Amino acid sequence: VKTLRPGDTGVGFTLETLLEIPENNSPRGDFHGMEIKAYRDSETEFDDQDKMNLFLKEPEWLDGLTTAERIQQYGYKDPNGRQAWYLSVTSRKNEANLQLFVTEQGEVLELHRNDLPIARWSLEVLEQRLQEKHAHSVFVGAESRGKGADEEFWYKTVTWCQEPSAKRLLELTTSGDIIVELRMHLRPDGSARNHGTAFRCRKHKLQTLFREQTT
C-alpha cells in the first residue's frame, strides 16, 4: 500500500489509518486495548539502536520549583531565542550533568542533576503506566520500497506481547536502553509549555520489556 504520509512516521500513520484508528495521545492502548507500533524491516528487526516511544509520564519533582522556574534555571536559549529544556537523559551523564539512576533497592527511578536527585518515579507508578499503555502491545513489521511520497509498505510480520514489567524497565534503564526525554520551553509571556516527559526504549531491547511474546 502507498504511504499516506511521507517521512519516518508514514509506516505507523498508514497502518493506523487502514485500521481506522484516529491520531490520538491516549494514555491507553489505541486498538481494542492494544498498543500498535509499526516499523520498517529495513530500519529494525529489534536489532538496531533506534528509539521507540513507550509512554508519557511526569515525575514527582523534588526541587521545589515551578515548571517555569525549572526551565529558567536548568534550560538554555534555543535557536528561536526561547528559554528551553529539551534533553535526552539515560543512565550515562549527559552534557547538562543529567542522568537516570535506579536506587539500590530497585524500587525508584531518579533523575539526577549534578549527582543530586531532582525528580523521581516509583516502581508502582511505572508499573501502572506500563499496564495502562502496554498491557497488550503489537509490533507490525513492514517491507518497504520507494521513498518520500512514493514509498510503499507490505505489512507482513506481527509480534504480540503482553505482561510488561516495570522491573525490566528499570533494568533496561541501568543498561542505558531506556531514554527519558524532557520537552518544555517558556512562552513569550513567561508561562511554561510542557509537551510531556517521554519514556523511549531502544528498539533492539523493546521486546525484553515483556514476559510473554508470540510472533
Protein backbone atom coordinates (compact mmCIF):
# COMPACT_ATOMS: atom_id res chain seq x y z
CA VAL A 1 0.00 0.00 0.00
CA LYS A 2 1.19 3.51 -0.75
CA THR A 3 2.15 5.64 2.21
CA LEU A 4 -0.43 8.14 3.37
CA ARG A 5 2.25 10.39 4.87
CA PRO A 6 5.82 10.86 3.61
CA GLY A 7 8.67 10.56 6.09
CA ASP A 8 9.60 8.47 9.11
CA THR A 9 6.11 8.38 10.64
CA GLY A 10 4.44 7.18 7.43
CA VAL A 11 4.71 3.49 8.30
CA GLY A 12 2.73 3.91 11.52
CA PHE A 13 0.28 6.53 10.29
CA THR A 14 -0.62 4.47 7.22
CA LEU A 15 -1.29 1.31 9.24
CA GLU A 16 -3.39 3.17 11.81
CA THR A 17 -5.39 4.83 9.03
CA LEU A 18 -6.07 1.46 7.40
CA LEU A 19 -7.27 0.18 10.79
CA GLU A 20 -9.41 3.32 11.19
CA ILE A 21 -7.53 4.43 14.30
CA PRO A 22 -7.63 8.23 14.66
CA GLU A 23 -4.44 10.00 15.68
CA ASN A 24 -4.52 10.44 19.44
CA ASN A 25 -2.47 10.92 22.57
CA SER A 26 -4.49 8.47 24.60
CA PRO A 27 -2.77 7.14 27.72
CA ARG A 28 -4.18 3.69 26.91
CA GLY A 29 -3.84 1.21 24.05
CA ASP A 30 -5.25 2.57 20.82
CA PHE A 31 -6.83 -0.52 19.15
CA HIS A 32 -9.19 -2.71 21.19
CA GLY A 33 -6.99 -2.05 24.21
CA MET A 34 -3.78 -2.89 22.34
CA GLU A 35 -0.94 -0.52 21.61
CA ILE A 36 0.18 -0.87 17.98
CA LYS A 37 3.66 0.03 16.78
CA ALA A 38 4.68 -0.30 13.13
CA TYR A 39 8.24 -0.30 11.85
CA ARG A 40 10.14 -0.84 8.61
CA ASP A 41 12.07 -4.11 8.34
CA SER A 42 14.90 -2.10 6.81
CA GLU A 43 15.01 0.09 9.93
CA THR A 44 14.80 -2.55 12.61
CA GLU A 45 14.08 -6.15 13.37
CA PHE A 46 14.57 -5.35 17.05
CA ASP A 47 18.32 -5.39 16.49
CA ASP A 48 19.29 -1.76 15.95
CA GLN A 49 19.80 1.31 18.11
CA ASP A 50 16.73 3.38 17.12
CA LYS A 51 14.23 4.51 19.73
CA MET A 52 10.55 3.64 20.02
CA ASN A 53 8.02 5.52 22.13
CA LEU A 54 6.74 3.84 25.29
CA PHE A 55 4.64 6.39 27.18
CA LEU A 56 4.49 9.86 28.72
CA LYS A 57 4.78 10.23 32.49
CA GLU A 58 5.68 13.29 34.53
CA PRO A 59 7.88 12.60 37.56
CA GLU A 60 7.41 13.69 41.12
CA TRP A 61 9.61 16.77 41.22
CA LEU A 62 11.84 17.18 44.27
CA ASP A 63 13.47 20.54 43.53
CA GLY A 64 10.67 22.77 44.83
CA LEU A 65 10.48 24.72 41.57
CA THR A 66 7.57 25.52 39.31
CA THR A 67 7.82 24.31 35.72
CA ALA A 68 8.63 27.84 34.53
CA GLU A 69 11.31 28.26 37.21
CA ARG A 70 12.76 24.86 36.30
CA ILE A 71 13.09 25.81 32.62
CA GLN A 72 14.61 29.15 33.57
CA GLN A 73 17.15 27.63 35.97
CA TYR A 74 18.12 24.44 34.12
CA GLY A 75 17.44 25.36 30.49
CA TYR A 76 19.18 27.14 27.64
CA LYS A 77 18.40 29.53 24.79
CA ASP A 78 17.23 27.58 21.75
CA PRO A 79 17.66 28.71 18.09
CA ASN A 80 14.29 30.51 18.33
CA GLY A 81 15.52 32.60 21.23
CA ARG A 82 13.28 30.82 23.75
CA GLN A 83 14.39 29.54 27.12
CA ALA A 84 14.03 25.79 26.61
CA TRP A 85 14.75 22.45 28.24
CA TYR A 86 14.76 19.72 25.58
CA LEU A 87 17.18 16.97 26.53
CA SER A 88 17.56 13.21 26.28
CA VAL A 89 18.65 11.52 29.50
CA THR A 90 19.99 7.99 30.07
CA SER A 91 21.97 6.28 32.83
CA ARG A 92 25.09 7.94 31.42
CA LYS A 93 25.60 11.53 32.50
CA ASN A 94 24.91 13.93 29.60
CA GLU A 95 26.31 17.35 28.73
CA ALA A 96 23.89 19.00 31.15
CA ASN A 97 25.02 16.73 34.03
CA LEU A 98 21.69 14.90 33.98
CA GLN A 99 21.38 11.14 34.33
CA LEU A 100 18.91 8.43 35.32
CA PHE A 101 19.64 6.47 38.48
CA VAL A 102 17.94 3.36 39.88
CA THR A 103 18.11 3.14 43.67
CA GLU A 104 19.84 0.17 45.29
CA GLN A 105 16.51 -1.36 46.29
CA GLY A 106 15.42 -1.20 42.63
CA GLU A 107 12.13 0.45 43.55
CA VAL A 108 12.66 4.06 42.49
CA LEU A 109 13.92 5.70 39.30
CA GLU A 110 15.53 9.06 39.97
CA LEU A 111 16.53 11.92 37.69
CA HIS A 112 19.83 13.35 38.93
CA ARG A 113 21.33 16.72 38.17
CA ASN A 114 24.90 17.31 39.29
CA ASP A 115 24.65 13.97 41.16
CA LEU A 116 21.64 15.10 43.22
CA PRO A 117 18.06 13.81 42.73
CA ILE A 118 15.66 16.43 41.37
CA ALA A 119 12.78 14.11 40.36
CA ARG A 120 11.63 10.50 40.75
CA TRP A 121 9.20 7.81 39.58
CA SER A 122 8.25 4.94 41.89
CA LEU A 123 8.19 1.34 40.67
CA GLU A 124 4.42 1.27 41.31
CA VAL A 125 3.81 4.35 39.16
CA LEU A 126 5.86 2.93 36.29
CA GLU A 127 4.11 -0.44 36.58
CA GLN A 128 0.71 1.25 36.41
CA ARG A 129 1.74 3.31 33.39
CA LEU A 130 3.07 0.26 31.55
CA GLN A 131 -0.14 -1.65 32.24
CA GLU A 132 -2.23 1.28 31.00
CA LYS A 133 -0.34 1.68 27.75
CA HIS A 134 1.25 -1.70 27.01
CA ALA A 135 -0.73 -4.47 28.72
CA HIS A 136 -1.08 -5.86 25.19
CA SER A 137 1.23 -4.49 22.51
CA VAL A 138 1.50 -5.45 18.85
CA PHE A 139 4.57 -4.72 16.75
CA VAL A 140 4.00 -4.84 12.99
CA GLY A 141 6.95 -5.10 10.62
CA ALA A 142 6.66 -3.80 7.07
CA GLU A 143 8.79 -4.35 3.99
CA SER A 144 9.15 -1.00 2.24
CA ARG A 145 10.16 0.24 -1.20
CA GLY A 146 10.43 3.68 -2.74
CA LYS A 147 10.99 6.97 -0.97
CA GLY A 148 9.08 10.01 0.23
CA ALA A 149 5.51 10.34 -1.01
CA ASP A 150 6.03 7.33 -3.31
CA GLU A 151 7.04 4.91 -0.54
CA GLU A 152 5.01 1.69 -0.32
CA PHE A 153 4.59 -0.80 2.53
CA TRP A 154 3.88 -4.50 2.77
CA TYR A 155 2.83 -5.21 6.36
CA LYS A 156 3.99 -8.80 6.80
CA THR A 157 5.02 -9.68 10.38
CA VAL A 158 3.25 -9.32 13.72
CA THR A 159 4.69 -9.79 17.21
CA TRP A 160 2.17 -9.76 20.06
CA CYS A 161 3.50 -9.03 23.55
CA GLN A 162 1.89 -8.92 26.97
CA GLU A 163 2.79 -8.66 30.68
CA PRO A 164 5.20 -5.72 30.64
CA SER A 165 7.45 -5.49 33.68
CA ALA A 166 8.47 -2.28 35.45
CA LYS A 167 11.42 -4.14 36.99
CA ARG A 168 12.61 -4.97 33.49
CA LEU A 169 12.11 -1.32 32.59
CA LEU A 170 14.47 -0.33 35.40
CA GLU A 171 16.99 -2.98 34.33
CA LEU A 172 16.91 -1.52 30.81
CA THR A 173 17.36 1.93 32.32
CA THR A 174 20.51 0.82 34.13
CA SER A 175 21.89 -0.69 30.91
CA GLY A 176 21.28 2.59 29.05
CA ASP A 177 18.49 1.28 26.83
CA ILE A 178 15.74 3.50 28.27
CA ILE A 179 15.80 7.17 27.31
CA VAL A 180 13.80 9.85 29.11
CA GLU A 181 13.19 12.99 27.07
CA LEU A 182 12.43 16.35 28.70
CA ARG A 183 10.42 18.58 26.36
CA MET A 184 9.50 22.04 27.62
CA HIS A 185 10.06 25.73 26.95
CA LEU A 186 8.89 29.18 28.02
CA ARG A 187 6.29 31.05 26.00
CA PRO A 188 6.82 34.78 25.26
CA ASP A 189 4.57 35.65 28.22
CA GLY A 190 6.81 33.64 30.56
CA SER A 191 4.41 30.72 31.05
CA ALA A 192 5.63 27.16 30.61
CA ARG A 193 4.81 24.82 27.71
CA ASN A 194 5.45 21.19 28.60
CA HIS A 195 4.97 18.60 25.84
CA GLY A 196 5.24 15.77 28.38
CA THR A 197 8.15 13.75 29.71
CA ALA A 198 8.60 10.86 27.29
CA PHE A 199 9.95 7.38 28.01
CA ARG A 200 11.52 5.70 24.99
CA CYS A 201 13.27 2.38 24.51
CA ARG A 202 15.97 1.28 22.09
CA LYS A 203 14.14 -0.89 19.56
CA HIS A 204 16.51 -3.84 19.78
CA LYS A 205 15.67 -4.15 23.50
CA LEU A 206 11.96 -3.43 23.36
CA GLN A 207 10.69 -6.99 23.47
CA THR A 208 12.63 -7.72 26.66
CA LEU A 209 10.13 -5.50 28.50
CA PHE A 210 7.51 -8.22 28.14
CA ARG A 211 7.24 -11.58 29.88
CA GLU A 212 5.26 -13.17 27.05
CA GLN A 213 5.72 -12.82 23.28
CA THR A 214 4.16 -14.52 20.27
CA THR A 215 5.19 -13.99 16.65
